[in-house]
Amino acid sequence: MNPPFDDEGVYIGALATLSELGADLDEDRLGPLVAIRFDGPRDGFLDWFARWAASTFRSLSGRPEWEQNPEWLYFDGVPMTFVGQVSVPPELSGLHDVASFYVFWDRDSGVTETVVQVR
């Protein structure tokens, strides 16, 4: 079954679930991940999705507090684990505002990636 993201209520519910986790709804990436895992009735999708998303968008030290839009990183098509966030004030970064560094890690490969956002 394809994920029912075409249903407005489901789309909004999935978006709200991901927002609580600090992630965003990237249908191109999430659609295939969800499609191969969800095989229940359509009306049970949001409950299943909430459980699946919580176990898929893992975090070692709390959820990201994005300065801008969420930019959860993926490795080989799978969400990486959020390790932590460091915010640097402008007087230390030399930028016009606070810069936040978001660190992600893929446990299996050992790959680490960072997102930088400036408020």
N, C-alpha and C. Protein backbone atom coordinates (compact mmCIF):
# COMPACT_ATOMS: atom_id res chain seq x y z
N MET A 1 0.84 -1.19 0.00
CA MET A 1 0.00 0.00 0.00
C MET A 1 0.88 1.24 0.00
N ASN A 2 0.51 2.21 -0.79
CA ASN A 2 1.21 3.49 -0.76
C ASN A 2 0.78 4.26 0.48
N PRO A 3 1.68 5.04 1.07
CA PRO A 3 1.28 5.83 2.23
C PRO A 3 0.18 6.80 1.82
N PRO A 4 -0.84 6.95 2.64
CA PRO A 4 -1.98 7.79 2.27
C PRO A 4 -1.74 9.28 2.50
N PHE A 5 -0.59 9.79 2.05
CA PHE A 5 -0.29 11.20 2.23
C PHE A 5 -1.18 12.08 1.35
N ASP A 6 -1.91 11.47 0.41
CA ASP A 6 -2.81 12.25 -0.44
C ASP A 6 -4.07 12.66 0.30
N ASP A 7 -4.34 12.06 1.45
CA ASP A 7 -5.47 12.42 2.29
C ASP A 7 -5.03 13.60 3.17
N GLU A 8 -5.74 14.72 3.08
CA GLU A 8 -5.31 15.94 3.79
C GLU A 8 -5.19 15.72 5.30
N GLY A 9 -6.14 15.01 5.89
CA GLY A 9 -6.10 14.76 7.33
C GLY A 9 -4.89 13.92 7.71
N VAL A 10 -4.58 12.93 6.90
CA VAL A 10 -3.42 12.08 7.16
C VAL A 10 -2.14 12.89 6.98
N TYR A 11 -2.10 13.68 5.94
CA TYR A 11 -0.92 14.51 5.68
C TYR A 11 -0.65 15.45 6.86
N ILE A 12 -1.69 16.13 7.33
CA ILE A 12 -1.55 17.06 8.45
C ILE A 12 -1.15 16.32 9.72
N GLY A 13 -1.74 15.16 9.95
CA GLY A 13 -1.39 14.36 11.12
C GLY A 13 0.05 13.88 11.09
N ALA A 14 0.49 13.43 9.92
CA ALA A 14 1.88 12.98 9.78
C ALA A 14 2.84 14.14 9.96
N LEU A 15 2.48 15.28 9.40
CA LEU A 15 3.31 16.48 9.54
C LEU A 15 3.43 16.89 11.01
N ALA A 16 2.33 16.83 11.75
CA ALA A 16 2.34 17.18 13.17
C ALA A 16 3.22 16.21 13.96
N THR A 17 3.11 14.93 13.65
CA THR A 17 3.94 13.92 14.33
C THR A 17 5.42 14.20 14.11
N LEU A 18 5.78 14.45 12.86
CA LEU A 18 7.19 14.70 12.55
C LEU A 18 7.67 16.01 13.15
N SER A 19 6.81 17.00 13.18
CA SER A 19 7.19 18.29 13.76
C SER A 19 7.56 18.13 15.24
N GLU A 20 6.82 17.30 15.96
CA GLU A 20 7.12 17.04 17.37
C GLU A 20 8.49 16.39 17.53
N LEU A 21 8.92 15.66 16.52
CA LEU A 21 10.22 14.98 16.57
C LEU A 21 11.35 15.85 16.04
N GLY A 22 11.01 17.00 15.47
CA GLY A 22 12.03 17.88 14.89
C GLY A 22 12.36 17.52 13.46
N ALA A 23 11.49 16.76 12.81
CA ALA A 23 11.71 16.34 11.42
C ALA A 23 10.67 16.99 10.52
N ASP A 24 10.80 16.77 9.23
CA ASP A 24 9.82 17.30 8.29
C ASP A 24 9.32 16.17 7.40
N LEU A 25 8.24 16.44 6.69
CA LEU A 25 7.63 15.42 5.84
C LEU A 25 8.19 15.54 4.43
N ASP A 26 9.19 14.76 4.16
CA ASP A 26 9.81 14.70 2.84
C ASP A 26 9.22 13.46 2.16
N GLU A 27 8.14 13.67 1.40
CA GLU A 27 7.43 12.54 0.80
C GLU A 27 8.32 11.69 -0.10
N ASP A 28 9.25 12.32 -0.80
CA ASP A 28 10.12 11.57 -1.70
C ASP A 28 10.99 10.57 -0.94
N ARG A 29 11.40 10.95 0.26
CA ARG A 29 12.23 10.05 1.06
C ARG A 29 11.39 9.14 1.94
N LEU A 30 10.37 9.71 2.58
CA LEU A 30 9.58 8.93 3.53
C LEU A 30 8.60 7.98 2.85
N GLY A 31 8.06 8.39 1.72
CA GLY A 31 7.09 7.55 1.02
C GLY A 31 7.57 6.12 0.82
N PRO A 32 8.75 5.93 0.21
CA PRO A 32 9.25 4.57 0.02
C PRO A 32 9.53 3.83 1.33
N LEU A 33 10.04 4.54 2.34
CA LEU A 33 10.31 3.89 3.62
C LEU A 33 9.02 3.40 4.27
N VAL A 34 8.00 4.23 4.20
CA VAL A 34 6.71 3.88 4.81
C VAL A 34 6.01 2.80 4.00
N ALA A 35 6.06 2.90 2.69
CA ALA A 35 5.33 1.97 1.82
C ALA A 35 5.77 0.52 2.03
N ILE A 36 7.05 0.31 2.28
CA ILE A 36 7.50 -1.07 2.44
C ILE A 36 7.26 -1.61 3.85
N ARG A 37 6.83 -0.75 4.77
CA ARG A 37 6.63 -1.19 6.15
C ARG A 37 5.16 -1.23 6.58
N PHE A 38 4.34 -0.34 6.04
CA PHE A 38 2.95 -0.27 6.49
C PHE A 38 2.08 -1.20 5.67
N ASP A 39 1.40 -2.10 6.36
CA ASP A 39 0.49 -3.00 5.65
C ASP A 39 -0.85 -3.12 6.35
N GLY A 40 -1.16 -2.15 7.20
CA GLY A 40 -2.41 -2.20 7.95
C GLY A 40 -3.53 -1.46 7.24
N PRO A 41 -4.67 -1.35 7.92
CA PRO A 41 -5.80 -0.63 7.34
C PRO A 41 -5.51 0.87 7.29
N ARG A 42 -6.06 1.51 6.28
CA ARG A 42 -5.82 2.94 6.07
C ARG A 42 -6.16 3.77 7.30
N ASP A 43 -7.23 3.42 8.00
CA ASP A 43 -7.63 4.22 9.16
C ASP A 43 -6.71 4.02 10.37
N GLY A 44 -5.80 3.07 10.31
CA GLY A 44 -4.82 2.88 11.38
C GLY A 44 -3.46 3.47 11.06
N PHE A 45 -3.38 4.16 9.94
CA PHE A 45 -2.08 4.65 9.48
C PHE A 45 -1.43 5.64 10.45
N LEU A 46 -2.18 6.63 10.93
CA LEU A 46 -1.56 7.67 11.77
C LEU A 46 -1.02 7.11 13.08
N ASP A 47 -1.73 6.18 13.69
CA ASP A 47 -1.20 5.56 14.92
C ASP A 47 0.08 4.80 14.62
N TRP A 48 0.05 4.02 13.54
CA TRP A 48 1.25 3.29 13.14
C TRP A 48 2.39 4.26 12.80
N PHE A 49 2.07 5.31 12.07
CA PHE A 49 3.08 6.28 11.64
C PHE A 49 3.75 6.94 12.83
N ALA A 50 2.98 7.29 13.86
CA ALA A 50 3.56 7.93 15.05
C ALA A 50 4.58 7.00 15.71
N ARG A 51 4.24 5.72 15.83
CA ARG A 51 5.18 4.76 16.43
C ARG A 51 6.41 4.58 15.54
N TRP A 52 6.16 4.44 14.24
CA TRP A 52 7.26 4.24 13.30
C TRP A 52 8.20 5.44 13.29
N ALA A 53 7.64 6.64 13.23
CA ALA A 53 8.46 7.86 13.16
C ALA A 53 9.31 8.02 14.41
N ALA A 54 8.73 7.75 15.58
CA ALA A 54 9.48 7.89 16.83
C ALA A 54 10.66 6.92 16.87
N SER A 55 10.51 5.75 16.29
CA SER A 55 11.62 4.79 16.30
C SER A 55 12.59 5.02 15.14
N THR A 56 12.18 5.75 14.12
CA THR A 56 13.02 5.98 12.95
C THR A 56 13.83 7.26 13.06
N PHE A 57 13.22 8.32 13.59
CA PHE A 57 13.91 9.60 13.77
C PHE A 57 14.46 9.62 15.19
N ARG A 58 15.59 8.95 15.35
CA ARG A 58 16.18 8.76 16.68
C ARG A 58 17.01 9.97 17.09
N SER A 59 17.12 10.11 18.40
CA SER A 59 17.88 11.22 18.97
C SER A 59 18.61 10.74 20.21
N LEU A 60 19.86 11.16 20.35
CA LEU A 60 20.64 10.78 21.53
C LEU A 60 20.52 11.79 22.66
N SER A 61 20.16 13.02 22.33
CA SER A 61 20.17 14.06 23.38
C SER A 61 19.06 15.09 23.18
N GLY A 62 17.86 14.65 23.09
CA GLY A 62 16.75 15.58 22.87
C GLY A 62 16.54 15.83 21.39
N ARG A 63 15.54 16.58 21.09
CA ARG A 63 15.18 16.86 19.70
C ARG A 63 15.79 18.17 19.24
N PRO A 64 16.07 18.29 17.94
CA PRO A 64 16.64 19.55 17.45
C PRO A 64 15.67 20.71 17.61
N GLU A 65 16.21 21.84 17.96
CA GLU A 65 15.43 23.08 18.01
C GLU A 65 15.95 23.94 16.87
N TRP A 66 15.31 23.78 15.73
CA TRP A 66 15.78 24.39 14.48
C TRP A 66 15.65 25.91 14.51
N GLU A 67 16.65 26.58 13.99
CA GLU A 67 16.60 28.03 13.81
C GLU A 67 15.71 28.37 12.62
N GLN A 68 15.68 27.48 11.64
CA GLN A 68 14.88 27.66 10.43
C GLN A 68 14.04 26.40 10.24
N ASN A 69 13.78 26.02 9.01
CA ASN A 69 13.01 24.81 8.74
C ASN A 69 13.83 23.57 9.07
N PRO A 70 13.15 22.49 9.48
CA PRO A 70 13.87 21.24 9.78
C PRO A 70 14.66 20.75 8.57
N GLU A 71 15.85 20.22 8.85
CA GLU A 71 16.71 19.66 7.80
C GLU A 71 17.29 18.33 8.27
N TRP A 72 16.44 17.43 8.72
CA TRP A 72 16.92 16.14 9.21
C TRP A 72 17.70 15.45 8.11
N LEU A 73 18.88 14.95 8.44
CA LEU A 73 19.74 14.34 7.43
C LEU A 73 19.48 12.84 7.29
N TYR A 74 19.74 12.35 6.08
CA TYR A 74 19.57 10.94 5.74
C TYR A 74 20.90 10.39 5.23
N PHE A 75 21.11 9.10 5.46
CA PHE A 75 22.26 8.41 4.89
C PHE A 75 21.75 7.14 4.23
N ASP A 76 22.06 6.96 2.97
CA ASP A 76 21.56 5.82 2.19
C ASP A 76 20.04 5.70 2.29
N GLY A 77 19.35 6.83 2.27
CA GLY A 77 17.90 6.84 2.26
C GLY A 77 17.23 6.64 3.61
N VAL A 78 18.01 6.57 4.68
CA VAL A 78 17.46 6.33 6.02
C VAL A 78 17.81 7.52 6.92
N PRO A 79 16.86 7.98 7.74
CA PRO A 79 17.17 9.09 8.64
C PRO A 79 18.34 8.76 9.57
N MET A 80 19.26 9.71 9.68
CA MET A 80 20.39 9.55 10.59
C MET A 80 19.94 9.84 12.02
N THR A 81 20.75 9.47 12.99
CA THR A 81 20.46 9.74 14.40
C THR A 81 20.93 11.15 14.74
N PHE A 82 20.05 11.92 15.39
CA PHE A 82 20.42 13.25 15.84
C PHE A 82 21.25 13.11 17.11
N VAL A 83 22.48 13.65 17.08
CA VAL A 83 23.39 13.54 18.21
C VAL A 83 23.23 14.72 19.15
N GLY A 84 23.18 15.93 18.61
CA GLY A 84 23.05 17.10 19.46
C GLY A 84 23.17 18.38 18.67
N GLN A 85 23.07 19.47 19.40
CA GLN A 85 23.03 20.80 18.81
C GLN A 85 23.92 21.73 19.63
N VAL A 86 24.66 22.56 18.92
CA VAL A 86 25.50 23.58 19.57
C VAL A 86 25.13 24.92 18.96
N SER A 87 24.79 25.87 19.82
CA SER A 87 24.48 27.22 19.34
C SER A 87 25.64 28.15 19.70
N VAL A 88 26.05 28.95 18.72
CA VAL A 88 27.20 29.83 18.89
C VAL A 88 26.74 31.28 18.70
N PRO A 89 27.00 32.15 19.68
CA PRO A 89 26.57 33.54 19.55
C PRO A 89 27.36 34.27 18.47
N PRO A 90 26.79 35.35 17.93
CA PRO A 90 27.43 36.06 16.83
C PRO A 90 28.83 36.59 17.17
N GLU A 91 29.05 36.97 18.41
CA GLU A 91 30.38 37.50 18.75
C GLU A 91 31.47 36.43 18.66
N LEU A 92 31.09 35.17 18.73
CA LEU A 92 32.07 34.09 18.58
C LEU A 92 32.14 33.55 17.15
N SER A 93 30.99 33.57 16.46
CA SER A 93 30.95 33.00 15.11
C SER A 93 31.36 33.99 14.04
N GLY A 94 31.24 35.29 14.34
CA GLY A 94 31.51 36.30 13.33
C GLY A 94 30.36 36.48 12.36
N LEU A 95 29.26 35.81 12.61
CA LEU A 95 28.07 35.94 11.76
C LEU A 95 27.14 36.99 12.34
N HIS A 96 26.11 37.33 11.60
CA HIS A 96 25.20 38.40 12.01
C HIS A 96 24.25 37.98 13.12
N ASP A 97 24.12 36.68 13.38
CA ASP A 97 23.19 36.20 14.39
C ASP A 97 23.67 34.86 14.92
N VAL A 98 22.88 34.26 15.79
CA VAL A 98 23.23 32.97 16.37
C VAL A 98 23.34 31.91 15.26
N ALA A 99 24.41 31.14 15.31
CA ALA A 99 24.58 30.01 14.39
C ALA A 99 24.40 28.73 15.20
N SER A 100 23.57 27.84 14.70
CA SER A 100 23.36 26.56 15.37
C SER A 100 23.87 25.43 14.49
N PHE A 101 24.62 24.54 15.11
CA PHE A 101 25.19 23.37 14.43
C PHE A 101 24.44 22.14 14.92
N TYR A 102 23.91 21.37 13.99
CA TYR A 102 23.14 20.17 14.29
C TYR A 102 23.94 18.97 13.79
N VAL A 103 24.26 18.07 14.69
CA VAL A 103 25.12 16.93 14.35
C VAL A 103 24.28 15.66 14.22
N PHE A 104 24.49 14.95 13.11
CA PHE A 104 23.80 13.70 12.83
C PHE A 104 24.83 12.61 12.59
N TRP A 105 24.44 11.36 12.90
CA TRP A 105 25.37 10.24 12.83
C TRP A 105 24.64 9.00 12.32
N ASP A 106 25.31 8.28 11.45
CA ASP A 106 24.80 6.98 11.01
C ASP A 106 25.60 5.92 11.75
N ARG A 107 24.94 5.23 12.63
CA ARG A 107 25.61 4.26 13.50
C ARG A 107 26.29 3.14 12.71
N ASP A 108 25.62 2.64 11.69
CA ASP A 108 26.16 1.50 10.95
C ASP A 108 27.44 1.84 10.18
N SER A 109 27.47 3.01 9.56
CA SER A 109 28.63 3.37 8.73
C SER A 109 29.64 4.23 9.49
N GLY A 110 29.19 4.87 10.57
CA GLY A 110 30.06 5.78 11.30
C GLY A 110 30.11 7.18 10.70
N VAL A 111 29.35 7.41 9.64
CA VAL A 111 29.34 8.72 8.98
C VAL A 111 28.67 9.75 9.88
N THR A 112 29.30 10.92 9.97
CA THR A 112 28.76 12.04 10.73
C THR A 112 28.57 13.21 9.77
N GLU A 113 27.44 13.88 9.88
CA GLU A 113 27.15 15.05 9.04
C GLU A 113 26.64 16.17 9.94
N THR A 114 26.82 17.40 9.49
CA THR A 114 26.39 18.56 10.27
C THR A 114 25.57 19.51 9.40
N VAL A 115 24.52 20.04 9.99
CA VAL A 115 23.72 21.10 9.36
C VAL A 115 24.01 22.37 10.15
N VAL A 116 24.20 23.48 9.44
CA VAL A 116 24.39 24.78 10.09
C VAL A 116 23.24 25.69 9.68
N GLN A 117 22.62 26.30 10.66
CA GLN A 117 21.56 27.27 10.40
C GLN A 117 21.85 28.54 11.18
N VAL A 118 21.59 29.67 10.56
CA VAL A 118 21.76 30.96 11.21
C VAL A 118 20.39 31.59 11.36
N ARG A 119 20.11 32.05 12.55
CA ARG A 119 18.80 32.63 12.85
C ARG A 119 18.52 33.83 12.00
